[in-house]
Amino acid sequence: MAARIKKGDRVIVIAGRDKGKEGEVLKVLPKENRAIVQGVMMVKRHERPSARAAGGIVTKEAPIHISNLAHADPADGKPTRIGFKFLEDGRKVRYAKRSGELIDR
């Protein structure tokens, strides 16, 4: 299956405890069908001090299942589904089905 969500995409959470939040995809974990989104699914972790970081309680993003994410339409910012099409120069690009606008540059 083609990758619909990639690093750097603007997404909206459509289900779960953070429903309605919006953020940028920081990392995609394709084997687990999960993604890490900036400012979404924040959890607290108790971390031991190390050479590069002080210890304590750290708040960071946890992975969220990609079925709970939808792309933000570039035109109006509302959730949209993604389609694929080929341009005249032969490139395969993603586009927002809601507005028809291209997501890939």
C-alpha atoms as a PDB file:
ATOM      1  CA  MET A   1       0.000   0.000   0.000  1.00  0.00           C
ATOM      2  CA  ALA A   2       1.268   3.456  -0.867  1.00  0.00           C
ATOM      3  CA  ALA A   3       2.305   5.777   1.956  1.00  0.00           C
ATOM      4  CA  ARG A   4      -0.464   8.310   2.486  1.00  0.00           C
ATOM      5  CA  ILE A   5       1.104   9.980   5.530  1.00  0.00           C
ATOM      6  CA  LYS A   6       4.686  11.189   5.341  1.00  0.00           C
ATOM      7  CA  LYS A   7       7.055  13.174   7.536  1.00  0.00           C
ATOM      8  CA  GLY A   8       6.263  16.888   7.385  1.00  0.00           C
ATOM      9  CA  ASP A   9       2.546  16.493   6.548  1.00  0.00           C
ATOM     10  CA  ARG A  10      -0.070  18.573   8.406  1.00  0.00           C
ATOM     11  CA  VAL A  11      -2.596  16.189   9.972  1.00  0.00           C
ATOM     12  CA  ILE A  12      -5.701  16.388  12.166  1.00  0.00           C
ATOM     13  CA  VAL A  13      -6.574  13.821  14.849  1.00  0.00           C
ATOM     14  CA  ILE A  14     -10.047  12.431  14.080  1.00  0.00           C
ATOM     15  CA  ALA A  15     -10.399   9.950  16.963  1.00  0.00           C
ATOM     16  CA  GLY A  16      -9.092   9.355  20.465  1.00  0.00           C
ATOM     17  CA  ARG A  17      -8.311  11.544  23.440  1.00  0.00           C
ATOM     18  CA  ASP A  18      -6.669  14.267  21.305  1.00  0.00           C
ATOM     19  CA  LYS A  19      -9.524  14.479  18.766  1.00  0.00           C
ATOM     20  CA  GLY A  20      -9.518  17.810  16.931  1.00  0.00           C
ATOM     21  CA  LYS A  21      -5.838  18.606  17.528  1.00  0.00           C
ATOM     22  CA  GLU A  22      -3.641  19.457  14.575  1.00  0.00           C
ATOM     23  CA  GLY A  23       0.093  19.052  14.095  1.00  0.00           C
ATOM     24  CA  GLU A  24       3.002  18.174  11.853  1.00  0.00           C
ATOM     25  CA  VAL A  25       4.163  14.577  11.427  1.00  0.00           C
ATOM     26  CA  LEU A  26       7.626  14.257  12.989  1.00  0.00           C
ATOM     27  CA  LYS A  27       8.194  10.563  12.289  1.00  0.00           C
ATOM     28  CA  VAL A  28       6.349   7.676  10.633  1.00  0.00           C
ATOM     29  CA  LEU A  29       6.615   4.100  11.926  1.00  0.00           C
ATOM     30  CA  PRO A  30       5.352   2.083   8.915  1.00  0.00           C
ATOM     31  CA  LYS A  31       5.811  -1.385  10.463  1.00  0.00           C
ATOM     32  CA  GLU A  32       3.532  -0.419  13.356  1.00  0.00           C
ATOM     33  CA  ASN A  33       1.136   1.754  11.262  1.00  0.00           C
ATOM     34  CA  ARG A  34       1.803   4.632  13.633  1.00  0.00           C
ATOM     35  CA  ALA A  35       3.093   8.189  13.432  1.00  0.00           C
ATOM     36  CA  ILE A  36       4.501  10.703  15.903  1.00  0.00           C
ATOM     37  CA  VAL A  37       2.730  14.061  15.592  1.00  0.00           C
ATOM     38  CA  GLN A  38       3.997  17.297  17.129  1.00  0.00           C
ATOM     39  CA  GLY A  39       1.969  18.284  20.202  1.00  0.00           C
ATOM     40  CA  VAL A  40      -0.376  15.265  20.003  1.00  0.00           C
ATOM     41  CA  MET A  41      -0.616  12.250  22.357  1.00  0.00           C
ATOM     42  CA  MET A  42       1.646  13.820  24.975  1.00  0.00           C
ATOM     43  CA  VAL A  43       2.831  11.425  27.696  1.00  0.00           C
ATOM     44  CA  LYS A  44       5.094  11.796  30.733  1.00  0.00           C
ATOM     45  CA  ARG A  45       8.149   9.599  31.077  1.00  0.00           C
ATOM     46  CA  HIS A  46      10.502   9.285  34.030  1.00  0.00           C
ATOM     47  CA  GLU A  47      14.009   9.478  32.609  1.00  0.00           C
ATOM     48  CA  ARG A  48      17.307   8.736  34.269  1.00  0.00           C
ATOM     49  CA  PRO A  49      20.042  11.381  34.009  1.00  0.00           C
ATOM     50  CA  SER A  50      22.556  10.760  31.217  1.00  0.00           C
ATOM     51  CA  ALA A  51      25.628  12.521  29.868  1.00  0.00           C
ATOM     52  CA  ARG A  52      23.584  14.633  27.437  1.00  0.00           C
ATOM     53  CA  ALA A  53      20.309  15.121  29.316  1.00  0.00           C
ATOM     54  CA  ALA A  54      19.235  15.811  32.875  1.00  0.00           C
ATOM     55  CA  GLY A  55      16.904  13.333  34.500  1.00  0.00           C
ATOM     56  CA  GLY A  56      13.368  13.946  35.694  1.00  0.00           C
ATOM     57  CA  ILE A  57       9.856  13.766  34.344  1.00  0.00           C
ATOM     58  CA  VAL A  58       9.885  14.502  30.613  1.00  0.00           C
ATOM     59  CA  THR A  59       6.806  15.218  28.498  1.00  0.00           C
ATOM     60  CA  LYS A  60       7.052  13.952  24.928  1.00  0.00           C
ATOM     61  CA  GLU A  61       4.938  12.728  22.001  1.00  0.00           C
ATOM     62  CA  ALA A  62       3.871   9.082  21.836  1.00  0.00           C
ATOM     63  CA  PRO A  63       3.025   7.302  18.567  1.00  0.00           C
ATOM     64  CA  ILE A  64      -0.600   7.470  17.399  1.00  0.00           C
ATOM     65  CA  HIS A  65      -2.244   5.017  14.991  1.00  0.00           C
ATOM     66  CA  ILE A  66      -2.514   6.397  11.455  1.00  0.00           C
ATOM     67  CA  SER A  67      -6.186   5.374  11.232  1.00  0.00           C
ATOM     68  CA  ASN A  68      -6.843   8.147  13.777  1.00  0.00           C
ATOM     69  CA  LEU A  69      -5.229  10.786  11.544  1.00  0.00           C
ATOM     70  CA  ALA A  70      -6.501  12.680   8.500  1.00  0.00           C
ATOM     71  CA  HIS A  71      -4.617  15.090   6.260  1.00  0.00           C
ATOM     72  CA  ALA A  72      -5.396  18.775   6.656  1.00  0.00           C
ATOM     73  CA  ASP A  73      -6.623  20.137   3.303  1.00  0.00           C
ATOM     74  CA  PRO A  74      -4.118  22.737   2.018  1.00  0.00           C
ATOM     75  CA  ALA A  75      -7.029  24.922   0.855  1.00  0.00           C
ATOM     76  CA  ASP A  76      -9.101  25.236   4.047  1.00  0.00           C
ATOM     77  CA  GLY A  77      -7.388  23.139   6.751  1.00  0.00           C
ATOM     78  CA  LYS A  78     -10.291  20.714   7.179  1.00  0.00           C
ATOM     79  CA  PRO A  79      -9.793  16.908   7.189  1.00  0.00           C
ATOM     80  CA  THR A  80      -9.567  15.299   3.759  1.00  0.00           C
ATOM     81  CA  ARG A  81      -8.839  11.959   2.173  1.00  0.00           C
ATOM     82  CA  ILE A  82      -5.853  11.477  -0.109  1.00  0.00           C
ATOM     83  CA  GLY A  83      -5.734  10.316  -3.715  1.00  0.00           C
ATOM     84  CA  PHE A  84      -2.911   9.642  -6.147  1.00  0.00           C
ATOM     85  CA  LYS A  85      -2.545  10.822  -9.725  1.00  0.00           C
ATOM     86  CA  PHE A  86       0.144  11.112 -12.360  1.00  0.00           C
ATOM     87  CA  LEU A  87       1.177  14.500 -13.733  1.00  0.00           C
ATOM     88  CA  GLU A  88       2.064  15.192 -17.375  1.00  0.00           C
ATOM     89  CA  ASP A  89       5.771  14.827 -16.569  1.00  0.00           C
ATOM     90  CA  GLY A  90       5.136  11.306 -15.211  1.00  0.00           C
ATOM     91  CA  ARG A  91       5.442  12.088 -11.482  1.00  0.00           C
ATOM     92  CA  LYS A  92       3.062  10.330  -9.101  1.00  0.00           C
ATOM     93  CA  VAL A  93       1.698  12.878  -6.608  1.00  0.00           C
ATOM     94  CA  ARG A  94      -0.740  12.949  -3.710  1.00  0.00           C
ATOM     95  CA  TYR A  95      -3.737  15.278  -3.833  1.00  0.00           C
ATOM     96  CA  ALA A  96      -6.537  16.267  -1.459  1.00  0.00           C
ATOM     97  CA  LYS A  97      -9.828  14.727  -2.571  1.00  0.00           C
ATOM     98  CA  ARG A  98     -11.775  17.523  -0.863  1.00  0.00           C
ATOM     99  CA  SER A  99     -10.331  20.403  -2.905  1.00  0.00           C
ATOM    100  CA  GLY A 100      -8.283  18.661  -5.590  1.00  0.00           C
ATOM    101  CA  GLU A 101      -5.178  20.572  -4.497  1.00  0.00           C
ATOM    102  CA  LEU A 102      -1.767  18.892  -4.703  1.00  0.00           C
ATOM    103  CA  ILE A 103      -0.078  17.891  -1.437  1.00  0.00           C
ATOM    104  CA  ASP A 104       3.288  16.919  -2.950  1.00  0.00           C
ATOM    105  CA  ARG A 105       5.368  19.714  -4.423  1.00  0.00           C
END
